[in-house]
Amino acid sequence: SMPTSAALDVVAKSLNLKFFEVPTGWKFFGNLMDAGQCSICGEESFGTGSDHIREKDGIWAVLAWLSILAYKNKDNINGDKLVTVEDIVRQHWATYGRHYYTRYDYENVDAGGAKDLMANMVKMMSSLDEVNTIVKGARSDVSKVVNADEFEYKDPVDGSVSKHQGIRFLFEDGSRLVFRLSGTGSEGATIRLYIEQYEKDPSKIGRDSQEALAPLLL
């Protein structure tokens, strides 16, 4: 799903693989799977699955990792040091870069105030110079904001359109901030803020997440 991470985008584009960026919600994967357009999926609540069941499947995820480990160690017949999950992840980071990630949830926010906040974000999207002035005023070492949009999704299967799925501020270095409004019921709304720092420098991919994200945390 769109808020999860842009890490998949980097891999898919590098390998020239087709991928779909959908809103939060497992139902969007279901349509793609039923149409044979998607075989593996995952989203921000750490749910992963495939088209064998059309649902989150933790056992499948474990078996997938075990299959990767078995393949990576298939030539180890002399009892040498085994390739570990950490080894695989670090090699992935060295190849594609690392996406440091965190999420903040602001719950039980006044629904009216939450909608006003999102409306102000939409207005800011049209003035990136103003956005950069605010950002650079807080942290001069932050990359430049080069694009902003409000994510909407057109289902390639049934043509339905899902609007207002999150406001994204995209930075020159591949980092991003995403604001998403979740629920506006009687007990208030929840505003979710997703912060993602993209790092391609091999010497910096092993840092603590909070250290790496510090510039974007302002």
N, C-alpha and C. Protein backbone atom coordinates (compact mmCIF):
# COMPACT_ATOMS: atom_id res chain seq x y z
N SER A 1 0.84 -1.20 0.00
CA SER A 1 0.00 0.00 0.00
C SER A 1 0.88 1.25 0.00
N MET A 2 0.32 2.35 -0.46
CA MET A 2 1.10 3.57 -0.65
C MET A 2 1.87 4.03 0.58
N PRO A 3 1.26 4.08 1.79
CA PRO A 3 2.01 4.60 2.94
C PRO A 3 3.11 3.68 3.44
N THR A 4 3.09 2.41 3.05
CA THR A 4 3.99 1.42 3.65
C THR A 4 5.45 1.82 3.50
N SER A 5 5.90 1.99 2.28
CA SER A 5 7.29 2.37 2.01
C SER A 5 7.47 2.50 0.51
N ALA A 6 8.47 3.28 0.12
CA ALA A 6 8.82 3.38 -1.30
C ALA A 6 9.92 2.40 -1.66
N ALA A 7 10.29 1.52 -0.73
CA ALA A 7 11.38 0.57 -0.97
C ALA A 7 11.06 -0.36 -2.13
N LEU A 8 9.82 -0.82 -2.21
CA LEU A 8 9.43 -1.72 -3.29
C LEU A 8 9.53 -1.03 -4.65
N ASP A 9 9.20 0.25 -4.70
CA ASP A 9 9.27 1.00 -5.95
C ASP A 9 10.67 0.95 -6.54
N VAL A 10 11.67 1.13 -5.67
CA VAL A 10 13.07 1.15 -6.12
C VAL A 10 13.46 -0.19 -6.73
N VAL A 11 13.08 -1.28 -6.05
CA VAL A 11 13.43 -2.62 -6.54
C VAL A 11 12.70 -2.92 -7.85
N ALA A 12 11.41 -2.65 -7.88
CA ALA A 12 10.62 -2.96 -9.08
C ALA A 12 11.11 -2.19 -10.29
N LYS A 13 11.43 -0.92 -10.11
CA LYS A 13 11.92 -0.12 -11.22
C LYS A 13 13.29 -0.60 -11.68
N SER A 14 14.15 -0.97 -10.73
CA SER A 14 15.48 -1.45 -11.07
C SER A 14 15.43 -2.75 -11.87
N LEU A 15 14.50 -3.63 -11.51
CA LEU A 15 14.38 -4.93 -12.17
C LEU A 15 13.36 -4.92 -13.31
N ASN A 16 12.76 -3.75 -13.55
CA ASN A 16 11.76 -3.60 -14.61
C ASN A 16 10.58 -4.55 -14.40
N LEU A 17 10.08 -4.57 -13.16
CA LEU A 17 8.94 -5.42 -12.80
C LEU A 17 7.69 -4.55 -12.64
N LYS A 18 6.56 -5.07 -13.04
CA LYS A 18 5.30 -4.35 -12.88
C LYS A 18 4.86 -4.42 -11.42
N PHE A 19 4.45 -3.29 -10.87
CA PHE A 19 3.94 -3.29 -9.50
C PHE A 19 2.81 -2.28 -9.39
N PHE A 20 2.00 -2.45 -8.34
CA PHE A 20 0.85 -1.57 -8.12
C PHE A 20 0.99 -0.90 -6.76
N GLU A 21 0.70 0.39 -6.73
CA GLU A 21 0.69 1.14 -5.48
C GLU A 21 -0.77 1.44 -5.16
N VAL A 22 -1.28 0.84 -4.10
CA VAL A 22 -2.70 0.93 -3.78
C VAL A 22 -2.90 1.66 -2.46
N PRO A 23 -4.12 2.13 -2.17
CA PRO A 23 -4.41 2.72 -0.87
C PRO A 23 -4.34 1.67 0.24
N THR A 24 -4.37 2.12 1.48
CA THR A 24 -4.41 1.20 2.60
C THR A 24 -5.73 0.42 2.58
N GLY A 25 -5.65 -0.87 2.74
CA GLY A 25 -6.85 -1.71 2.73
C GLY A 25 -6.64 -2.95 1.88
N TRP A 26 -6.85 -4.10 2.47
CA TRP A 26 -6.57 -5.36 1.78
C TRP A 26 -7.48 -5.60 0.58
N LYS A 27 -8.64 -4.95 0.56
CA LYS A 27 -9.58 -5.17 -0.54
C LYS A 27 -8.98 -4.79 -1.89
N PHE A 28 -8.07 -3.83 -1.90
CA PHE A 28 -7.47 -3.40 -3.16
C PHE A 28 -6.58 -4.50 -3.74
N PHE A 29 -5.94 -5.27 -2.88
CA PHE A 29 -5.14 -6.40 -3.35
C PHE A 29 -6.04 -7.48 -3.93
N GLY A 30 -7.19 -7.70 -3.31
CA GLY A 30 -8.09 -8.76 -3.73
C GLY A 30 -8.51 -8.62 -5.18
N ASN A 31 -8.87 -7.42 -5.60
CA ASN A 31 -9.26 -7.19 -6.99
C ASN A 31 -8.14 -7.55 -7.95
N LEU A 32 -6.92 -7.14 -7.61
CA LEU A 32 -5.77 -7.41 -8.48
C LEU A 32 -5.48 -8.90 -8.56
N MET A 33 -5.60 -9.58 -7.42
CA MET A 33 -5.33 -11.03 -7.40
C MET A 33 -6.38 -11.80 -8.19
N ASP A 34 -7.64 -11.42 -8.02
CA ASP A 34 -8.71 -12.10 -8.75
C ASP A 34 -8.53 -11.96 -10.26
N ALA A 35 -7.94 -10.84 -10.68
CA ALA A 35 -7.74 -10.58 -12.11
C ALA A 35 -6.41 -11.13 -12.61
N GLY A 36 -5.66 -11.77 -11.72
CA GLY A 36 -4.38 -12.34 -12.13
C GLY A 36 -3.29 -11.31 -12.38
N GLN A 37 -3.44 -10.12 -11.81
CA GLN A 37 -2.46 -9.06 -12.04
C GLN A 37 -1.48 -8.90 -10.89
N CYS A 38 -1.70 -9.62 -9.80
CA CYS A 38 -0.84 -9.48 -8.62
C CYS A 38 -0.71 -10.84 -7.94
N SER A 39 0.50 -11.21 -7.58
CA SER A 39 0.69 -12.51 -6.93
C SER A 39 1.25 -12.40 -5.52
N ILE A 40 1.91 -11.28 -5.20
CA ILE A 40 2.48 -11.06 -3.87
C ILE A 40 2.10 -9.65 -3.44
N CYS A 41 1.74 -9.49 -2.17
CA CYS A 41 1.34 -8.16 -1.70
C CYS A 41 1.70 -7.98 -0.23
N GLY A 42 1.67 -6.74 0.21
CA GLY A 42 1.94 -6.44 1.61
C GLY A 42 1.58 -5.01 1.92
N GLU A 43 1.34 -4.71 3.20
CA GLU A 43 1.00 -3.35 3.58
C GLU A 43 1.48 -3.03 4.98
N GLU A 44 1.18 -1.81 5.43
CA GLU A 44 1.88 -1.21 6.56
C GLU A 44 1.70 -1.91 7.90
N SER A 45 0.68 -2.72 8.07
CA SER A 45 0.49 -3.42 9.34
C SER A 45 1.29 -4.73 9.37
N PHE A 46 2.28 -4.82 8.51
CA PHE A 46 3.18 -5.97 8.40
C PHE A 46 2.47 -7.20 7.85
N GLY A 47 1.29 -7.02 7.27
CA GLY A 47 0.60 -8.13 6.64
C GLY A 47 1.19 -8.40 5.26
N THR A 48 1.51 -9.65 4.99
CA THR A 48 1.97 -10.06 3.66
C THR A 48 1.19 -11.29 3.24
N GLY A 49 1.12 -11.52 1.94
CA GLY A 49 0.39 -12.68 1.45
C GLY A 49 0.59 -12.86 -0.03
N SER A 50 -0.06 -13.86 -0.57
CA SER A 50 0.03 -14.11 -2.01
C SER A 50 -1.34 -14.54 -2.53
N ASP A 51 -1.40 -14.82 -3.83
CA ASP A 51 -2.70 -15.13 -4.44
C ASP A 51 -3.19 -16.54 -4.15
N HIS A 52 -2.47 -17.28 -3.31
CA HIS A 52 -2.95 -18.63 -2.96
C HIS A 52 -4.13 -18.57 -2.00
N ILE A 53 -4.29 -17.41 -1.32
CA ILE A 53 -5.35 -17.33 -0.32
C ILE A 53 -6.08 -15.98 -0.33
N ARG A 54 -5.51 -14.97 -0.97
CA ARG A 54 -6.11 -13.63 -1.02
C ARG A 54 -6.25 -13.00 0.36
N GLU A 55 -5.38 -13.34 1.28
CA GLU A 55 -5.49 -12.80 2.64
C GLU A 55 -4.10 -12.77 3.27
N LYS A 56 -3.98 -12.03 4.37
CA LYS A 56 -2.71 -12.00 5.10
C LYS A 56 -2.40 -13.40 5.60
N ASP A 57 -1.14 -13.80 5.48
CA ASP A 57 -0.76 -15.16 5.85
C ASP A 57 0.64 -15.13 6.45
N GLY A 58 0.71 -15.10 7.78
CA GLY A 58 1.99 -15.05 8.46
C GLY A 58 2.82 -16.30 8.26
N ILE A 59 2.17 -17.45 8.19
CA ILE A 59 2.90 -18.70 7.97
C ILE A 59 3.56 -18.68 6.59
N TRP A 60 2.83 -18.19 5.60
CA TRP A 60 3.39 -18.08 4.25
C TRP A 60 4.63 -17.18 4.26
N ALA A 61 4.56 -16.06 5.01
CA ALA A 61 5.69 -15.13 5.06
C ALA A 61 6.92 -15.80 5.65
N VAL A 62 6.72 -16.60 6.71
CA VAL A 62 7.85 -17.32 7.31
C VAL A 62 8.42 -18.33 6.32
N LEU A 63 7.55 -19.07 5.64
CA LEU A 63 8.00 -20.05 4.66
C LEU A 63 8.75 -19.38 3.51
N ALA A 64 8.30 -18.19 3.13
CA ALA A 64 8.98 -17.45 2.06
C ALA A 64 10.41 -17.11 2.47
N TRP A 65 10.58 -16.66 3.71
CA TRP A 65 11.92 -16.35 4.20
C TRP A 65 12.77 -17.62 4.30
N LEU A 66 12.18 -18.71 4.75
CA LEU A 66 12.94 -19.96 4.83
C LEU A 66 13.37 -20.43 3.45
N SER A 67 12.54 -20.20 2.45
CA SER A 67 12.90 -20.56 1.07
C SER A 67 14.08 -19.74 0.58
N ILE A 68 14.08 -18.45 0.93
CA ILE A 68 15.19 -17.58 0.55
C ILE A 68 16.48 -18.04 1.22
N LEU A 69 16.39 -18.35 2.52
CA LEU A 69 17.57 -18.82 3.25
C LEU A 69 18.09 -20.13 2.69
N ALA A 70 17.17 -21.03 2.34
CA ALA A 70 17.58 -22.32 1.78
C ALA A 70 18.31 -22.12 0.45
N TYR A 71 17.80 -21.21 -0.37
CA TYR A 71 18.44 -20.95 -1.66
C TYR A 71 19.82 -20.33 -1.48
N LYS A 72 19.92 -19.37 -0.57
CA LYS A 72 21.20 -18.69 -0.34
C LYS A 72 22.26 -19.63 0.22
N ASN A 73 21.83 -20.70 0.90
CA ASN A 73 22.77 -21.62 1.54
C ASN A 73 22.86 -22.96 0.83
N LYS A 74 22.30 -23.07 -0.37
CA LYS A 74 22.23 -24.37 -1.05
C LYS A 74 23.60 -24.95 -1.40
N ASP A 75 24.59 -24.10 -1.58
CA ASP A 75 25.92 -24.59 -1.94
C ASP A 75 26.83 -24.79 -0.74
N ASN A 76 26.29 -24.56 0.44
CA ASN A 76 27.09 -24.71 1.66
C ASN A 76 27.07 -26.17 2.10
N ILE A 77 28.02 -26.95 1.60
CA ILE A 77 28.06 -28.38 1.92
C ILE A 77 29.24 -28.73 2.82
N ASN A 78 30.03 -27.72 3.17
CA ASN A 78 31.23 -27.98 3.97
C ASN A 78 31.10 -27.45 5.39
N GLY A 79 29.91 -27.07 5.77
CA GLY A 79 29.71 -26.57 7.13
C GLY A 79 30.23 -25.17 7.36
N ASP A 80 30.33 -24.38 6.27
CA ASP A 80 30.79 -23.00 6.41
C ASP A 80 29.72 -22.16 7.11
N LYS A 81 30.08 -20.92 7.43
CA LYS A 81 29.13 -20.01 8.09
C LYS A 81 27.92 -19.81 7.18
N LEU A 82 26.74 -19.98 7.75
CA LEU A 82 25.51 -19.85 6.98
C LEU A 82 25.19 -18.38 6.69
N VAL A 83 24.54 -18.16 5.56
CA VAL A 83 24.02 -16.84 5.23
C VAL A 83 22.79 -16.60 6.10
N THR A 84 22.74 -15.47 6.79
CA THR A 84 21.64 -15.17 7.71
C THR A 84 20.67 -14.16 7.10
N VAL A 85 19.55 -13.97 7.78
CA VAL A 85 18.59 -12.94 7.36
C VAL A 85 19.26 -11.57 7.35
N GLU A 86 20.06 -11.30 8.38
CA GLU A 86 20.77 -10.01 8.43
C GLU A 86 21.69 -9.84 7.23
N ASP A 87 22.40 -10.90 6.85
CA ASP A 87 23.29 -10.82 5.68
C ASP A 87 22.49 -10.45 4.42
N ILE A 88 21.34 -11.09 4.26
CA ILE A 88 20.50 -10.85 3.08
C ILE A 88 19.98 -9.42 3.07
N VAL A 89 19.52 -8.96 4.22
CA VAL A 89 18.98 -7.60 4.31
C VAL A 89 20.06 -6.56 4.04
N ARG A 90 21.24 -6.77 4.60
CA ARG A 90 22.33 -5.81 4.39
C ARG A 90 22.79 -5.79 2.93
N GLN A 91 22.77 -6.95 2.28
CA GLN A 91 23.10 -6.99 0.86
C GLN A 91 22.05 -6.25 0.04
N HIS A 92 20.80 -6.41 0.46
CA HIS A 92 19.71 -5.67 -0.21
C HIS A 92 19.93 -4.17 -0.08
N TRP A 93 20.25 -3.72 1.13
CA TRP A 93 20.50 -2.29 1.34
C TRP A 93 21.68 -1.80 0.51
N ALA A 94 22.73 -2.61 0.44
CA ALA A 94 23.91 -2.21 -0.33
C ALA A 94 23.58 -2.07 -1.82
N THR A 95 22.62 -2.86 -2.28
CA THR A 95 22.25 -2.84 -3.70
C THR A 95 21.24 -1.73 -4.02
N TYR A 96 20.22 -1.61 -3.19
CA TYR A 96 19.10 -0.71 -3.50
C TYR A 96 18.99 0.51 -2.58
N GLY A 97 19.82 0.58 -1.56
CA GLY A 97 19.68 1.63 -0.57
C GLY A 97 18.72 1.21 0.53
N ARG A 98 18.70 1.97 1.60
CA ARG A 98 17.84 1.64 2.75
C ARG A 98 16.80 2.73 2.96
N HIS A 99 15.59 2.31 3.25
CA HIS A 99 14.51 3.24 3.57
C HIS A 99 14.26 3.19 5.08
N TYR A 100 14.73 4.20 5.79
CA TYR A 100 14.44 4.32 7.22
C TYR A 100 13.01 4.84 7.36
N TYR A 101 12.29 4.30 8.32
CA TYR A 101 10.84 4.52 8.34
C TYR A 101 10.32 4.60 9.77
N THR A 102 9.36 5.49 9.98
CA THR A 102 8.63 5.51 11.24
C THR A 102 7.23 6.07 10.98
N ARG A 103 6.34 5.84 11.93
CA ARG A 103 4.97 6.34 11.80
C ARG A 103 4.49 6.88 13.14
N TYR A 104 3.83 8.03 13.10
CA TYR A 104 3.22 8.61 14.29
C TYR A 104 1.71 8.64 14.10
N ASP A 105 0.98 8.20 15.12
CA ASP A 105 -0.48 8.22 15.09
C ASP A 105 -1.01 9.22 16.11
N TYR A 106 -1.83 10.14 15.66
CA TYR A 106 -2.46 11.12 16.54
C TYR A 106 -3.95 10.76 16.60
N GLU A 107 -4.35 10.14 17.71
CA GLU A 107 -5.68 9.57 17.81
C GLU A 107 -6.65 10.50 18.53
N ASN A 108 -7.94 10.25 18.28
CA ASN A 108 -9.02 11.01 18.92
C ASN A 108 -8.88 12.52 18.70
N VAL A 109 -8.44 12.88 17.51
CA VAL A 109 -8.34 14.29 17.14
C VAL A 109 -9.73 14.78 16.73
N ASP A 110 -10.05 16.02 17.09
CA ASP A 110 -11.33 16.59 16.67
C ASP A 110 -11.47 16.45 15.16
N ALA A 111 -12.58 15.86 14.72
CA ALA A 111 -12.76 15.56 13.30
C ALA A 111 -12.71 16.82 12.44
N GLY A 112 -13.33 17.89 12.93
CA GLY A 112 -13.32 19.14 12.17
C GLY A 112 -11.92 19.70 12.04
N GLY A 113 -11.18 19.68 13.14
CA GLY A 113 -9.81 20.17 13.12
C GLY A 113 -8.92 19.34 12.22
N ALA A 114 -9.15 18.02 12.23
CA ALA A 114 -8.35 17.13 11.39
C ALA A 114 -8.59 17.42 9.91
N LYS A 115 -9.85 17.64 9.56
CA LYS A 115 -10.18 17.96 8.16
C LYS A 115 -9.58 19.30 7.75
N ASP A 116 -9.59 20.26 8.68
CA ASP A 116 -9.00 21.57 8.38
C ASP A 116 -7.50 21.43 8.14
N LEU A 117 -6.85 20.60 8.95
CA LEU A 117 -5.41 20.38 8.79
C LEU A 117 -5.11 19.82 7.41
N MET A 118 -5.87 18.81 7.01
CA MET A 118 -5.64 18.20 5.70
C MET A 118 -5.93 19.19 4.58
N ALA A 119 -6.94 20.03 4.76
CA ALA A 119 -7.25 21.04 3.75
C ALA A 119 -6.10 22.04 3.61
N ASN A 120 -5.49 22.40 4.74
CA ASN A 120 -4.35 23.31 4.69
C ASN A 120 -3.16 22.66 4.00
N MET A 121 -2.99 21.36 4.20
CA MET A 121 -1.92 20.62 3.52
C MET A 121 -2.13 20.66 2.01
N VAL A 122 -3.37 20.51 1.60
CA VAL A 122 -3.68 20.56 0.17
C VAL A 122 -3.30 21.93 -0.40
N LYS A 123 -3.59 22.99 0.34
CA LYS A 123 -3.24 24.34 -0.11
C LYS A 123 -1.73 24.50 -0.22
N MET A 124 -1.00 23.93 0.73
CA MET A 124 0.46 24.04 0.73
C MET A 124 1.08 23.34 -0.47
N MET A 125 0.41 22.32 -1.00
CA MET A 125 0.95 21.58 -2.13
C MET A 125 1.19 22.48 -3.34
N SER A 126 0.42 23.55 -3.44
CA SER A 126 0.53 24.43 -4.61
C SER A 126 1.65 25.46 -4.47
N SER A 127 2.31 25.49 -3.30
CA SER A 127 3.38 26.46 -3.07
C SER A 127 4.57 25.76 -2.43
N LEU A 128 5.33 25.04 -3.25
CA LEU A 128 6.48 24.30 -2.73
C LEU A 128 7.58 25.23 -2.24
N ASP A 129 7.65 26.44 -2.79
CA ASP A 129 8.65 27.40 -2.30
C ASP A 129 8.38 27.72 -0.83
N GLU A 130 7.11 27.90 -0.49
CA GLU A 130 6.74 28.17 0.90
C GLU A 130 7.04 26.96 1.77
N VAL A 131 6.74 25.78 1.27
CA VAL A 131 7.03 24.55 2.01
C VAL A 131 8.52 24.43 2.29
N ASN A 132 9.34 24.68 1.28
CA ASN A 132 10.79 24.57 1.45
C ASN A 132 11.33 25.63 2.39
N THR A 133 10.72 26.81 2.40
CA THR A 133 11.13 27.84 3.34
C THR A 133 10.89 27.39 4.77
N ILE A 134 9.74 26.76 5.01
CA ILE A 134 9.41 26.25 6.34
C ILE A 134 10.36 25.12 6.73
N VAL A 135 10.56 24.18 5.80
CA VAL A 135 11.41 23.02 6.08
C VAL A 135 12.85 23.45 6.33
N LYS A 136 13.39 24.27 5.43
CA LYS A 136 14.78 24.70 5.57
C LYS A 136 14.98 25.58 6.79
N GLY A 137 13.93 26.30 7.18
CA GLY A 137 14.02 27.12 8.38
C GLY A 137 14.15 26.29 9.63
N ALA A 138 13.58 25.09 9.59
CA ALA A 138 13.65 24.19 10.75
C ALA A 138 14.94 23.37 10.74
N ARG A 139 15.31 22.86 9.55
CA ARG A 139 16.53 22.05 9.42
C ARG A 139 17.16 22.33 8.05
N SER A 140 18.31 22.98 8.06
CA SER A 140 18.96 23.34 6.80
C SER A 140 19.53 22.14 6.06
N ASP A 141 19.71 21.00 6.77
CA ASP A 141 20.33 19.83 6.15
C ASP A 141 19.31 18.90 5.50
N VAL A 142 18.05 19.31 5.47
CA VAL A 142 17.01 18.49 4.85
C VAL A 142 17.02 18.71 3.35
N SER A 143 16.80 17.64 2.59
CA SER A 143 16.74 17.74 1.14
C SER A 143 15.56 18.60 0.70
N LYS A 144 15.59 19.07 -0.51
CA LYS A 144 14.55 19.95 -1.05
C LYS A 144 13.28 19.16 -1.39
N VAL A 145 12.12 19.74 -1.07
CA VAL A 145 10.84 19.16 -1.48
C VAL A 145 10.63 19.49 -2.96
N VAL A 146 10.49 18.47 -3.79
CA VAL A 146 10.39 18.69 -5.23
C VAL A 146 9.01 18.38 -5.80
N ASN A 147 8.17 17.73 -5.00
CA ASN A 147 6.83 17.41 -5.50
C ASN A 147 5.89 17.16 -4.33
N ALA A 148 4.62 17.38 -4.56
CA ALA A 148 3.60 17.10 -3.55
C ALA A 148 2.32 16.75 -4.28
N ASP A 149 1.59 15.79 -3.73
CA ASP A 149 0.32 15.42 -4.36
C ASP A 149 -0.61 14.79 -3.33
N GLU A 150 -1.86 14.64 -3.72
CA GLU A 150 -2.84 13.93 -2.91
C GLU A 150 -3.13 12.62 -3.63
N PHE A 151 -2.76 11.53 -3.00
CA PHE A 151 -2.81 10.23 -3.66
C PHE A 151 -4.24 9.79 -3.94
N GLU A 152 -4.48 9.38 -5.17
CA GLU A 152 -5.74 8.73 -5.52
C GLU A 152 -5.42 7.53 -6.39
N TYR A 153 -6.33 6.58 -6.37
CA TYR A 153 -6.06 5.29 -7.02
C TYR A 153 -7.23 4.90 -7.91
N LYS A 154 -6.91 4.59 -9.16
CA LYS A 154 -7.91 4.06 -10.07
C LYS A 154 -7.67 2.57 -10.23
N ASP A 155 -8.63 1.77 -9.80
CA ASP A 155 -8.49 0.32 -9.87
C ASP A 155 -8.43 -0.12 -11.33
N PRO A 156 -7.35 -0.79 -11.74
CA PRO A 156 -7.23 -1.21 -13.14
C PRO A 156 -8.19 -2.33 -13.52
N VAL A 157 -8.84 -2.91 -12.52
CA VAL A 157 -9.76 -4.03 -12.79
C VAL A 157 -11.18 -3.53 -13.02
N ASP A 158 -11.73 -2.78 -12.05
CA ASP A 158 -13.13 -2.35 -12.18
C ASP A 158 -13.29 -0.86 -12.49
N GLY A 159 -12.18 -0.13 -12.55
CA GLY A 159 -12.24 1.28 -12.91
C GLY A 159 -12.67 2.21 -11.79
N SER A 160 -12.93 1.69 -10.60
CA SER A 160 -13.35 2.54 -9.48
C SER A 160 -12.19 3.44 -9.05
N VAL A 161 -12.53 4.63 -8.55
CA VAL A 161 -11.52 5.61 -8.15
C VAL A 161 -11.64 5.88 -6.65
N SER A 162 -10.53 5.79 -5.94
CA SER A 162 -10.47 6.10 -4.51
C SER A 162 -9.66 7.38 -4.33
N LYS A 163 -10.33 8.44 -3.88
CA LYS A 163 -9.67 9.74 -3.75
C LYS A 163 -9.32 10.03 -2.29
N HIS A 164 -8.51 11.07 -2.09
CA HIS A 164 -8.15 11.57 -0.76
C HIS A 164 -7.53 10.46 0.09
N GLN A 165 -6.54 9.76 -0.46
CA GLN A 165 -5.93 8.63 0.23
C GLN A 165 -4.61 8.98 0.91
N GLY A 166 -4.31 10.25 0.99
CA GLY A 166 -3.09 10.67 1.68
C GLY A 166 -2.38 11.78 0.92
N ILE A 167 -1.78 12.69 1.67
CA ILE A 167 -1.03 13.80 1.07
C ILE A 167 0.45 13.51 1.20
N ARG A 168 1.16 13.59 0.09
CA ARG A 168 2.57 13.22 0.06
C ARG A 168 3.45 14.42 -0.29
N PHE A 169 4.51 14.60 0.49
CA PHE A 169 5.55 15.57 0.17
C PHE A 169 6.81 14.77 -0.15
N LEU A 170 7.29 14.89 -1.39
CA LEU A 170 8.38 14.06 -1.89
C LEU A 170 9.65 14.90 -2.00
N PHE A 171 10.75 14.37 -1.47
CA PHE A 171 12.00 15.10 -1.42
C PHE A 171 12.95 14.68 -2.55
N GLU A 172 13.89 15.56 -2.83
CA GLU A 172 14.82 15.35 -3.94
C GLU A 172 15.65 14.08 -3.76
N ASP A 173 15.94 13.70 -2.52
CA ASP A 173 16.79 12.53 -2.28
C ASP A 173 16.00 11.23 -2.17
N GLY A 174 14.69 11.27 -2.46
CA GLY A 174 13.88 10.06 -2.40
C GLY A 174 13.13 9.88 -1.09
N SER A 175 13.35 10.78 -0.14
CA SER A 175 12.64 10.72 1.14
C SER A 175 11.22 11.26 0.94
N ARG A 176 10.37 11.07 1.95
CA ARG A 176 9.00 11.57 1.82
C ARG A 176 8.31 11.67 3.17
N LEU A 177 7.31 12.54 3.21
CA LEU A 177 6.38 12.65 4.34
C LEU A 177 4.99 12.38 3.79
N VAL A 178 4.22 11.57 4.52
CA VAL A 178 2.85 11.27 4.10
C VAL A 178 1.90 11.55 5.26
N PHE A 179 0.86 12.30 5.00
CA PHE A 179 -0.18 12.57 5.99
C PHE A 179 -1.46 11.89 5.52
N ARG A 180 -2.05 11.09 6.42
CA ARG A 180 -3.28 10.39 6.04
C ARG A 180 -4.31 10.48 7.15
N LEU A 181 -5.53 10.80 6.78
CA LEU A 181 -6.64 10.88 7.73
C LEU A 181 -7.33 9.52 7.78
N SER A 182 -7.46 8.98 8.98
CA SER A 182 -8.03 7.64 9.13
C SER A 182 -9.19 7.69 10.11
N GLY A 183 -10.40 7.60 9.58
CA GLY A 183 -11.57 7.55 10.45
C GLY A 183 -12.00 8.92 10.93
N THR A 184 -13.28 9.20 10.81
CA THR A 184 -13.84 10.45 11.32
C THR A 184 -15.13 10.15 12.06
N GLY A 185 -15.10 9.15 12.91
CA GLY A 185 -16.29 8.71 13.63
C GLY A 185 -16.63 9.60 14.81
N SER A 186 -17.54 9.12 15.65
CA SER A 186 -18.02 9.91 16.78
C SER A 186 -16.94 10.16 17.82
N GLU A 187 -15.93 9.31 17.86
CA GLU A 187 -14.87 9.46 18.86
C GLU A 187 -13.67 10.23 18.31
N GLY A 188 -13.83 10.86 17.18
CA GLY A 188 -12.75 11.65 16.63
C GLY A 188 -12.00 10.94 15.53
N ALA A 189 -11.08 11.65 14.94
CA ALA A 189 -10.31 11.13 13.80
C ALA A 189 -8.91 10.74 14.25
N THR A 190 -8.24 10.01 13.39
CA THR A 190 -6.84 9.66 13.59
C THR A 190 -6.03 10.21 12.42
N ILE A 191 -5.00 10.97 12.74
CA ILE A 191 -4.08 11.47 11.71
C ILE A 191 -2.81 10.63 11.79
N ARG A 192 -2.45 10.04 10.68
CA ARG A 192 -1.23 9.23 10.63
C ARG A 192 -0.17 10.00 9.83
N LEU A 193 1.01 10.09 10.41
CA LEU A 193 2.14 10.74 9.76
C LEU A 193 3.22 9.69 9.51
N TYR A 194 3.56 9.51 8.25
CA TYR A 194 4.58 8.54 7.85
C TYR A 194 5.83 9.30 7.43
N ILE A 195 6.96 8.92 7.99
CA ILE A 195 8.23 9.60 7.71
C ILE A 195 9.21 8.57 7.17
N GLU A 196 9.76 8.87 6.00
CA GLU A 196 10.64 7.91 5.34
C GLU A 196 11.87 8.62 4.79
N GLN A 197 13.03 8.16 5.22
CA GLN A 197 14.31 8.72 4.77
C GLN A 197 15.03 7.70 3.91
N TYR A 198 15.33 8.07 2.68
CA TYR A 198 16.02 7.16 1.77
C TYR A 198 17.52 7.43 1.82
N GLU A 199 18.30 6.37 2.01
CA GLU A 199 19.75 6.50 2.12
C GLU A 199 20.44 5.56 1.15
N LYS A 200 21.24 6.11 0.24
CA LYS A 200 21.97 5.30 -0.74
C LYS A 200 23.44 5.14 -0.39
N ASP A 201 23.95 5.98 0.50
CA ASP A 201 25.36 5.93 0.88
C ASP A 201 25.63 4.65 1.68
N PRO A 202 26.46 3.73 1.16
CA PRO A 202 26.72 2.46 1.85
C PRO A 202 27.27 2.64 3.26
N SER A 203 27.95 3.75 3.51
CA SER A 203 28.54 3.97 4.83
C SER A 203 27.50 4.41 5.86
N LYS A 204 26.26 4.69 5.40
CA LYS A 204 25.24 5.19 6.31
C LYS A 204 24.02 4.27 6.44
N ILE A 205 24.08 3.09 5.83
CA ILE A 205 22.90 2.23 5.85
C ILE A 205 22.76 1.42 7.13
N GLY A 206 23.76 1.48 8.00
CA GLY A 206 23.69 0.73 9.25
C GLY A 206 23.37 1.58 10.46
N ARG A 207 22.93 2.80 10.24
CA ARG A 207 22.66 3.70 11.36
C ARG A 207 21.38 3.33 12.11
N ASP A 208 21.29 3.81 13.33
CA ASP A 208 20.05 3.69 14.09
C ASP A 208 18.96 4.49 13.38
N SER A 209 17.75 3.95 13.35
CA SER A 209 16.67 4.58 12.60
C SER A 209 16.39 6.01 13.06
N GLN A 210 16.36 6.25 14.36
CA GLN A 210 16.06 7.59 14.86
C GLN A 210 17.14 8.58 14.48
N GLU A 211 18.39 8.11 14.43
CA GLU A 211 19.49 8.97 13.99
C GLU A 211 19.33 9.34 12.52
N ALA A 212 19.01 8.34 11.71
CA ALA A 212 18.87 8.57 10.27
C ALA A 212 17.68 9.47 9.96
N LEU A 213 16.61 9.33 10.75
CA LEU A 213 15.38 10.09 10.50
C LEU A 213 15.39 11.48 11.13
N ALA A 214 16.41 11.78 11.92
CA ALA A 214 16.44 13.03 12.67
C ALA A 214 16.18 14.28 11.83
N PRO A 215 16.76 14.40 10.62
CA PRO A 215 16.50 15.61 9.83
C PRO A 215 15.01 15.79 9.49
N LEU A 216 14.31 14.69 9.23
CA LEU A 216 12.89 14.78 8.87
C LEU A 216 11.99 14.90 10.09
N LEU A 217 12.50 14.49 11.25
CA LEU A 217 11.71 14.62 12.47
C LEU A 217 11.71 16.06 12.97
N LEU A 218 12.61 16.89 12.41
CA LEU A 218 12.68 18.31 12.73
C LEU A 218 12.78 18.53 14.23
